[in-house]
Protein backbone atom coordinates (compact mmCIF):
# COMPACT_ATOMS: atom_id res chain seq x y z
CA MET A 1 141.80 3.50 -48.92
CA PRO A 2 142.74 6.89 -49.88
CA PRO A 3 144.20 8.02 -52.73
CA SER A 4 147.44 6.14 -53.81
CA LEU A 5 149.95 6.63 -56.41
CA SER A 6 152.44 3.02 -57.71
CA THR A 7 154.51 2.44 -60.44
CA HIS A 8 156.76 -0.94 -61.87
CA VAL A 9 159.80 -0.59 -64.23
CA LEU A 10 160.69 -3.49 -66.13
CA ASP A 11 163.06 -4.21 -68.63
CA THR A 12 161.49 -5.63 -71.43
CA ALA A 13 164.71 -6.40 -73.35
CA ASN A 14 166.85 -8.35 -70.84
CA GLY A 15 163.41 -9.54 -69.04
CA LEU A 16 163.76 -8.97 -65.89
CA PRO A 17 162.93 -6.34 -63.31
CA ALA A 18 164.30 -2.73 -63.59
CA GLU A 19 166.90 -2.50 -59.92
CA GLY A 20 168.34 0.85 -58.93
CA VAL A 21 166.51 2.97 -61.54
CA PRO A 22 166.12 7.11 -60.01
CA VAL A 23 162.45 7.72 -59.69
CA GLU A 24 160.86 11.56 -58.65
CA VAL A 25 157.69 11.87 -58.60
CA GLN A 26 156.34 15.93 -59.54
CA VAL A 27 152.90 17.70 -58.88
CA LEU A 28 151.74 21.14 -61.12
CA GLU A 29 151.11 23.83 -58.70
CA ARG A 30 152.38 26.94 -60.52
CA GLU A 31 155.17 24.96 -61.54
CA TRP A 32 156.24 21.89 -61.69
CA GLU A 33 156.52 20.61 -57.54
CA THR A 34 159.11 16.88 -56.27
CA VAL A 35 156.85 15.27 -54.26
CA ALA A 36 158.87 12.44 -53.80
CA VAL A 37 162.03 10.60 -54.74
CA GLY A 38 163.38 6.83 -55.03
CA ARG A 39 164.77 3.72 -56.79
CA THR A 40 163.01 0.82 -56.97
CA ASN A 41 163.37 -2.58 -55.73
CA ALA A 42 165.15 -5.76 -56.71
CA ASP A 43 161.43 -6.29 -58.29
CA GLY A 44 161.59 -3.07 -60.21
CA ARG A 45 158.84 -1.48 -57.66
CA CYS A 46 159.00 1.54 -55.58
CA PRO A 47 156.55 0.92 -52.55
CA GLY A 48 155.64 3.88 -50.50
CA LEU A 49 156.85 6.65 -53.05
CA VAL A 50 154.68 9.17 -52.21
CA PRO A 51 153.73 10.37 -48.81
CA GLU A 52 150.42 9.55 -47.46
CA GLY A 53 147.66 11.95 -48.03
CA ARG A 54 150.07 14.42 -50.27
CA PHE A 55 148.74 12.30 -53.42
CA GLY A 56 145.38 14.19 -55.01
CA PRO A 57 143.89 15.25 -57.99
CA GLY A 58 145.88 17.27 -60.25
CA ARG A 59 148.77 17.01 -63.41
CA TRP A 60 151.80 14.81 -62.43
CA ARG A 61 154.75 13.17 -63.82
CA ILE A 62 156.52 10.84 -63.49
CA ARG A 63 160.82 10.85 -64.14
CA PHE A 64 162.57 7.61 -64.63
CA ASP A 65 166.36 7.72 -65.60
CA VAL A 66 167.43 5.23 -66.93
CA SER A 67 170.58 6.07 -68.13
CA PRO A 68 172.36 4.60 -64.70
CA TYR A 69 171.00 0.96 -64.80
CA PHE A 70 171.63 0.70 -68.79
CA ALA A 71 175.22 1.99 -67.72
CA ALA A 72 175.47 -0.05 -64.98
CA ARG A 73 174.63 -3.12 -67.65
CA GLY A 74 177.20 -2.05 -70.10
CA GLN A 75 175.02 -1.33 -72.78
CA ALA A 76 174.17 2.47 -74.60
CA CYS A 77 170.55 3.64 -74.31
CA PHE A 78 169.41 6.32 -76.82
CA PHE A 79 166.24 7.74 -74.37
CA PRO A 80 168.67 8.67 -70.51
CA TYR A 81 164.61 9.04 -69.36
CA ALA A 82 160.98 8.97 -69.36
CA GLU A 83 158.73 10.97 -68.05
CA ILE A 84 155.02 10.44 -67.67
CA VAL A 85 152.71 13.18 -67.38
CA PHE A 86 149.32 11.97 -66.60
CA ASP A 87 146.30 13.70 -64.92
CA VAL A 88 144.08 12.89 -61.98
CA ALA A 89 140.82 12.84 -61.55
CA ASP A 90 139.69 9.40 -59.98
CA LEU A 91 140.81 9.69 -56.43
CA SER A 92 138.38 6.84 -55.65
CA ARG A 93 140.61 4.30 -57.69
CA HIS A 94 144.63 3.77 -57.39
CA HIS A 95 146.87 4.84 -59.81
CA HIS A 96 150.26 2.69 -61.15
CA VAL A 97 152.16 4.04 -64.20
CA PRO A 98 154.10 0.81 -65.10
CA LEU A 99 157.59 1.79 -67.31
CA LEU A 100 158.28 -1.03 -69.67
CA VAL A 101 161.99 -0.13 -70.84
CA SER A 102 164.90 -1.56 -73.28
CA PRO A 103 168.34 0.35 -74.79
CA PHE A 104 165.86 2.16 -77.47
CA GLY A 105 162.01 2.45 -76.43
CA TYR A 106 159.93 2.90 -73.63
CA SER A 107 156.13 2.07 -73.27
CA THR A 108 153.57 3.22 -71.05
CA TYR A 109 149.66 2.62 -69.76
CA ARG A 110 147.33 2.98 -67.29
CA GLY A 111 147.82 0.19 -65.26
CA SER A 112 145.28 -0.98 -62.09
């Protein structure tokens, strides 16, 4: 199976998947280069976000623009976006980078 990247955004304050969150995936070449953009679906996921054959070793960044998501729910948020930077070395494993978000905080971890 080719190396791949997935993400999942969960709204921990409301206990729901975060639907409609704009997501941008970038890789660091000489500068940050956008590889893919998308929006989370009803399950808070972006299936097929990075084009096949494009994901590989290096330094990567995912930017989640959460402010429109909370604004649509009439909620203010302290962090308008979250950027998660991570290094990819082991291409034999799938890379899953979930985001747990609330109006006033966020966290992430290396998923499976």
